């Protein structure tokens, strides 16, 4: 088993959509980013890559590459899953820190969205929403969003023709 952690932050600006966990959140501000700015998916990608010893999101999907401009973070997550196909996800625990937007009504939909994107059971996904209580600079003033993730992956197991268990 391998543990991974991920962290991401994005500035929030007017006239941009706010997408978190693959879900469009009703807001007058959204993430300023090269891709669609899904801070939660970006943190999950970093955690997965870190757990598998494969670097970080910028290594595989550099913002300098124009093909990633405005790309859906869900597509980046699916590509990341291809990179770690010898592992299965055991659990994901995440926290989103956002000042002015109440996320709790969106959490069930975010869990369903992430489960669908990753083809895993939503019961292994935890999402918590916190405020910065007016602190933490730009996050506390409602001008930024943070996501942090801890997760566990395990090597996939298979059974050979003789019925013996082995790790892929």
C-alpha atoms as a PDB file:
ATOM      1  CA  UNK A   1       0.000   0.000   0.000  1.00  0.00           C
ATOM      2  CA  UNK A   2       1.112   3.548  -0.721  1.00  0.00           C
ATOM      3  CA  UNK A   3      -0.087   6.875   0.707  1.00  0.00           C
ATOM      4  CA  UNK A   4      -0.339  10.016  -1.402  1.00  0.00           C
ATOM      5  CA  UNK A   5      -1.109  13.611  -0.545  1.00  0.00           C
ATOM      6  CA  UNK A   6      -2.142  16.417  -2.830  1.00  0.00           C
ATOM      7  CA  UNK A   7      -2.754  20.116  -2.413  1.00  0.00           C
ATOM      8  CA  UNK A   8      -3.879  22.792  -4.834  1.00  0.00           C
ATOM      9  CA  UNK A   9      -4.906  26.431  -4.725  1.00  0.00           C
ATOM     10  CA  UNK A  10      -6.547  28.651  -7.327  1.00  0.00           C
ATOM     11  CA  UNK A  11      -7.410  32.314  -7.419  1.00  0.00           C
ATOM     12  CA  UNK A  12     -11.134  33.007  -7.788  1.00  0.00           C
ATOM     13  CA  UNK A  13     -12.195  35.613 -10.348  1.00  0.00           C
ATOM     14  CA  UNK A  14     -15.491  36.859 -11.725  1.00  0.00           C
ATOM     15  CA  UNK A  15     -16.929  35.543 -15.005  1.00  0.00           C
ATOM     16  CA  UNK A  16     -15.319  32.082 -14.724  1.00  0.00           C
ATOM     17  CA  UNK A  17     -17.160  28.849 -13.897  1.00  0.00           C
ATOM     18  CA  UNK A  18     -16.468  27.188 -10.550  1.00  0.00           C
ATOM     19  CA  UNK A  19     -16.027  23.458 -11.038  1.00  0.00           C
ATOM     20  CA  UNK A  20     -15.219  21.296  -8.024  1.00  0.00           C
ATOM     21  CA  UNK A  21     -15.033  17.510  -8.218  1.00  0.00           C
ATOM     22  CA  UNK A  22     -16.426  17.612 -11.735  1.00  0.00           C
ATOM     23  CA  UNK A  23     -19.534  19.535 -10.596  1.00  0.00           C
ATOM     24  CA  UNK A  24     -20.488  23.055 -11.674  1.00  0.00           C
ATOM     25  CA  UNK A  25     -21.069  25.101  -8.513  1.00  0.00           C
ATOM     26  CA  UNK A  26     -23.410  28.085  -8.565  1.00  0.00           C
ATOM     27  CA  UNK A  27     -21.151  31.083  -7.958  1.00  0.00           C
ATOM     28  CA  UNK A  28     -20.306  34.500  -9.334  1.00  0.00           C
ATOM     29  CA  UNK A  29     -16.593  33.570  -9.195  1.00  0.00           C
ATOM     30  CA  UNK A  30     -14.607  30.672 -10.605  1.00  0.00           C
ATOM     31  CA  UNK A  31     -11.066  29.357 -10.710  1.00  0.00           C
ATOM     32  CA  UNK A  32      -8.425  31.166 -12.705  1.00  0.00           C
ATOM     33  CA  UNK A  33      -6.379  28.367 -14.273  1.00  0.00           C
ATOM     34  CA  UNK A  34      -4.862  26.976 -17.454  1.00  0.00           C
ATOM     35  CA  UNK A  35      -7.374  24.088 -17.433  1.00  0.00           C
ATOM     36  CA  UNK A  36     -10.928  24.265 -16.077  1.00  0.00           C
ATOM     37  CA  UNK A  37      -9.387  24.899 -12.628  1.00  0.00           C
ATOM     38  CA  UNK A  38     -11.015  22.019 -10.722  1.00  0.00           C
ATOM     39  CA  UNK A  39      -8.960  22.381  -7.542  1.00  0.00           C
ATOM     40  CA  UNK A  40     -10.236  19.116  -6.014  1.00  0.00           C
ATOM     41  CA  UNK A  41      -9.426  16.980  -9.044  1.00  0.00           C
ATOM     42  CA  UNK A  42      -6.006  18.628  -9.310  1.00  0.00           C
ATOM     43  CA  UNK A  43      -5.247  17.705  -5.682  1.00  0.00           C
ATOM     44  CA  UNK A  44      -6.457  14.126  -6.307  1.00  0.00           C
ATOM     45  CA  UNK A  45      -4.199  13.865  -9.377  1.00  0.00           C
ATOM     46  CA  UNK A  46      -1.186  15.059  -7.375  1.00  0.00           C
ATOM     47  CA  UNK A  47      -1.968  12.590  -4.582  1.00  0.00           C
ATOM     48  CA  UNK A  48      -2.314   9.672  -7.025  1.00  0.00           C
ATOM     49  CA  UNK A  49       0.886  10.548  -8.873  1.00  0.00           C
ATOM     50  CA  UNK A  50       2.771  11.040  -5.616  1.00  0.00           C
ATOM     51  CA  UNK A  51       1.607   7.719  -4.187  1.00  0.00           C
ATOM     52  CA  UNK A  52       2.743   5.950  -7.366  1.00  0.00           C
ATOM     53  CA  UNK A  53       6.090   7.831  -7.390  1.00  0.00           C
ATOM     54  CA  UNK A  54       5.290   9.483 -10.732  1.00  0.00           C
ATOM     55  CA  UNK A  55       5.901  13.156  -9.986  1.00  0.00           C
ATOM     56  CA  UNK A  56       3.162  15.742 -10.006  1.00  0.00           C
ATOM     57  CA  UNK A  57       0.433  17.204 -12.202  1.00  0.00           C
ATOM     58  CA  UNK A  58       2.773  19.754 -13.797  1.00  0.00           C
ATOM     59  CA  UNK A  59       5.163  16.976 -14.873  1.00  0.00           C
ATOM     60  CA  UNK A  60       2.476  15.173 -16.856  1.00  0.00           C
ATOM     61  CA  UNK A  61       0.163  18.053 -17.835  1.00  0.00           C
ATOM     62  CA  UNK A  62       2.325  21.194 -17.987  1.00  0.00           C
ATOM     63  CA  UNK A  63       0.503  24.520 -18.241  1.00  0.00           C
ATOM     64  CA  UNK A  64       2.989  25.509 -20.935  1.00  0.00           C
ATOM     65  CA  UNK A  65       1.432  22.889 -23.252  1.00  0.00           C
ATOM     66  CA  UNK A  66      -1.390  24.515 -25.239  1.00  0.00           C
ATOM     67  CA  UNK A  67      -3.259  21.213 -25.611  1.00  0.00           C
ATOM     68  CA  UNK A  68      -4.241  21.477 -21.933  1.00  0.00           C
ATOM     69  CA  UNK A  69      -5.685  24.992 -22.253  1.00  0.00           C
ATOM     70  CA  UNK A  70      -9.249  24.923 -20.844  1.00  0.00           C
ATOM     71  CA  UNK A  71      -9.200  21.101 -20.733  1.00  0.00           C
ATOM     72  CA  UNK A  72     -11.595  19.311 -18.427  1.00  0.00           C
ATOM     73  CA  UNK A  73      -9.787  18.184 -15.279  1.00  0.00           C
ATOM     74  CA  UNK A  74     -11.874  14.998 -15.460  1.00  0.00           C
ATOM     75  CA  UNK A  75      -9.964  14.080 -18.632  1.00  0.00           C
ATOM     76  CA  UNK A  76      -6.659  14.704 -16.844  1.00  0.00           C
ATOM     77  CA  UNK A  77      -7.804  12.482 -13.984  1.00  0.00           C
ATOM     78  CA  UNK A  78      -8.727   9.669 -16.377  1.00  0.00           C
ATOM     79  CA  UNK A  79      -5.291   9.947 -17.999  1.00  0.00           C
ATOM     80  CA  UNK A  80      -3.701   9.822 -14.542  1.00  0.00           C
ATOM     81  CA  UNK A  81      -5.612   6.622 -13.796  1.00  0.00           C
ATOM     82  CA  UNK A  82      -4.087   5.123 -16.956  1.00  0.00           C
ATOM     83  CA  UNK A  83      -0.657   5.994 -15.563  1.00  0.00           C
ATOM     84  CA  UNK A  84      -1.355   4.162 -12.289  1.00  0.00           C
ATOM     85  CA  UNK A  85      -3.256   1.199 -13.722  1.00  0.00           C
ATOM     86  CA  UNK A  86      -1.247  -1.291 -11.623  1.00  0.00           C
ATOM     87  CA  UNK A  87      -2.843   0.195  -8.489  1.00  0.00           C
ATOM     88  CA  UNK A  88      -6.352   0.353  -7.102  1.00  0.00           C
ATOM     89  CA  UNK A  89      -7.660   3.194  -4.973  1.00  0.00           C
ATOM     90  CA  UNK A  90      -8.445   2.158  -1.398  1.00  0.00           C
ATOM     91  CA  UNK A  91      -9.807   5.484  -0.156  1.00  0.00           C
ATOM     92  CA  UNK A  92      -9.746   9.239  -0.749  1.00  0.00           C
ATOM     93  CA  UNK A  93     -10.130  11.838   1.983  1.00  0.00           C
ATOM     94  CA  UNK A  94     -10.380  15.457   0.883  1.00  0.00           C
ATOM     95  CA  UNK A  95     -10.981  18.907   2.302  1.00  0.00           C
ATOM     96  CA  UNK A  96     -12.012  21.979   0.319  1.00  0.00           C
ATOM     97  CA  UNK A  97     -11.389  25.373   1.910  1.00  0.00           C
ATOM     98  CA  UNK A  98     -13.610  28.092   0.472  1.00  0.00           C
ATOM     99  CA  UNK A  99     -14.933  31.162   2.235  1.00  0.00           C
ATOM    100  CA  UNK A 100     -18.248  32.356   0.834  1.00  0.00           C
ATOM    101  CA  UNK A 101     -19.888  29.455  -0.981  1.00  0.00           C
ATOM    102  CA  UNK A 102     -21.755  26.783   0.962  1.00  0.00           C
ATOM    103  CA  UNK A 103     -20.591  23.470  -0.554  1.00  0.00           C
ATOM    104  CA  UNK A 104     -22.383  20.903   1.635  1.00  0.00           C
ATOM    105  CA  UNK A 105     -25.403  20.618  -0.740  1.00  0.00           C
ATOM    106  CA  UNK A 106     -22.996  19.769  -3.588  1.00  0.00           C
ATOM    107  CA  UNK A 107     -20.946  17.101  -1.775  1.00  0.00           C
ATOM    108  CA  UNK A 108     -23.141  14.087  -2.685  1.00  0.00           C
ATOM    109  CA  UNK A 109     -23.029  15.108  -6.362  1.00  0.00           C
ATOM    110  CA  UNK A 110     -19.232  15.634  -6.179  1.00  0.00           C
ATOM    111  CA  UNK A 111     -18.794  12.150  -4.702  1.00  0.00           C
ATOM    112  CA  UNK A 112     -20.957  10.629  -7.458  1.00  0.00           C
ATOM    113  CA  UNK A 113     -19.077  12.579 -10.128  1.00  0.00           C
ATOM    114  CA  UNK A 114     -15.646  11.523  -8.874  1.00  0.00           C
ATOM    115  CA  UNK A 115     -16.756   7.906  -8.468  1.00  0.00           C
ATOM    116  CA  UNK A 116     -17.992   7.905 -12.063  1.00  0.00           C
ATOM    117  CA  UNK A 117     -14.837   9.536 -13.445  1.00  0.00           C
ATOM    118  CA  UNK A 118     -12.572   7.093 -11.575  1.00  0.00           C
ATOM    119  CA  UNK A 119     -14.853   4.041 -11.876  1.00  0.00           C
ATOM    120  CA  UNK A 120     -14.748   3.444  -8.104  1.00  0.00           C
ATOM    121  CA  UNK A 121     -17.396   3.125  -5.424  1.00  0.00           C
ATOM    122  CA  UNK A 122     -18.412   6.490  -4.005  1.00  0.00           C
ATOM    123  CA  UNK A 123     -18.324   4.981  -0.493  1.00  0.00           C
ATOM    124  CA  UNK A 124     -14.504   5.260  -0.532  1.00  0.00           C
ATOM    125  CA  UNK A 125     -14.597   9.008  -1.246  1.00  0.00           C
ATOM    126  CA  UNK A 126     -14.799  11.532   1.588  1.00  0.00           C
ATOM    127  CA  UNK A 127     -15.244  15.244   0.877  1.00  0.00           C
ATOM    128  CA  UNK A 128     -15.325  17.872   3.606  1.00  0.00           C
ATOM    129  CA  UNK A 129     -15.962  21.585   3.128  1.00  0.00           C
ATOM    130  CA  UNK A 130     -14.479  24.195   5.451  1.00  0.00           C
ATOM    131  CA  UNK A 131     -14.235  27.960   5.541  1.00  0.00           C
ATOM    132  CA  UNK A 132     -11.120  29.918   6.392  1.00  0.00           C
ATOM    133  CA  UNK A 133     -13.143  31.813   9.028  1.00  0.00           C
ATOM    134  CA  UNK A 134     -12.065  35.072   7.425  1.00  0.00           C
ATOM    135  CA  UNK A 135      -8.395  34.122   7.794  1.00  0.00           C
ATOM    136  CA  UNK A 136      -5.741  32.708   5.449  1.00  0.00           C
ATOM    137  CA  UNK A 137      -5.338  35.801   3.256  1.00  0.00           C
ATOM    138  CA  UNK A 138      -6.932  35.417  -0.158  1.00  0.00           C
ATOM    139  CA  UNK A 139      -8.885  32.314   0.870  1.00  0.00           C
ATOM    140  CA  UNK A 140     -10.374  34.135   3.856  1.00  0.00           C
ATOM    141  CA  UNK A 141     -11.439  37.076   1.714  1.00  0.00           C
ATOM    142  CA  UNK A 142     -13.182  34.775  -0.793  1.00  0.00           C
ATOM    143  CA  UNK A 143     -10.615  35.311  -3.540  1.00  0.00           C
ATOM    144  CA  UNK A 144      -9.040  31.835  -3.555  1.00  0.00           C
ATOM    145  CA  UNK A 145      -9.905  28.175  -3.018  1.00  0.00           C
ATOM    146  CA  UNK A 146      -7.759  25.355  -1.608  1.00  0.00           C
ATOM    147  CA  UNK A 147      -8.183  21.584  -1.791  1.00  0.00           C
ATOM    148  CA  UNK A 148      -6.117  19.036   0.081  1.00  0.00           C
ATOM    149  CA  UNK A 149      -6.269  15.270  -0.357  1.00  0.00           C
ATOM    150  CA  UNK A 150      -4.875  12.194   1.343  1.00  0.00           C
ATOM    151  CA  UNK A 151      -5.409   8.819  -0.275  1.00  0.00           C
ATOM    152  CA  UNK A 152      -4.307   5.226  -0.189  1.00  0.00           C
ATOM    153  CA  UNK A 153      -3.585   3.022  -3.181  1.00  0.00           C
ATOM    154  CA  UNK A 154      -2.715  -0.661  -3.289  1.00  0.00           C
ATOM    155  CA  UNK A 155      -1.149  -2.877  -5.905  1.00  0.00           C
ATOM    156  CA  UNK A 156      -3.783  -4.745  -7.849  1.00  0.00           C
ATOM    157  CA  UNK A 157      -4.047  -8.459  -7.217  1.00  0.00           C
ATOM    158  CA  UNK A 158      -4.826 -11.163  -9.747  1.00  0.00           C
ATOM    159  CA  UNK A 159      -5.224 -14.907  -9.829  1.00  0.00           C
ATOM    160  CA  UNK A 160      -3.174 -16.911 -12.347  1.00  0.00           C
ATOM    161  CA  UNK A 161      -4.297 -20.031 -14.259  1.00  0.00           C
ATOM    162  CA  UNK A 162      -3.390 -22.256 -11.305  1.00  0.00           C
ATOM    163  CA  UNK A 163      -5.575 -20.259  -8.920  1.00  0.00           C
ATOM    164  CA  UNK A 164      -2.587 -18.673  -7.134  1.00  0.00           C
ATOM    165  CA  UNK A 165      -2.886 -15.083  -5.985  1.00  0.00           C
ATOM    166  CA  UNK A 166      -0.258 -12.614  -7.156  1.00  0.00           C
ATOM    167  CA  UNK A 167       0.236  -8.852  -7.362  1.00  0.00           C
ATOM    168  CA  UNK A 168       0.232  -7.164 -10.739  1.00  0.00           C
END
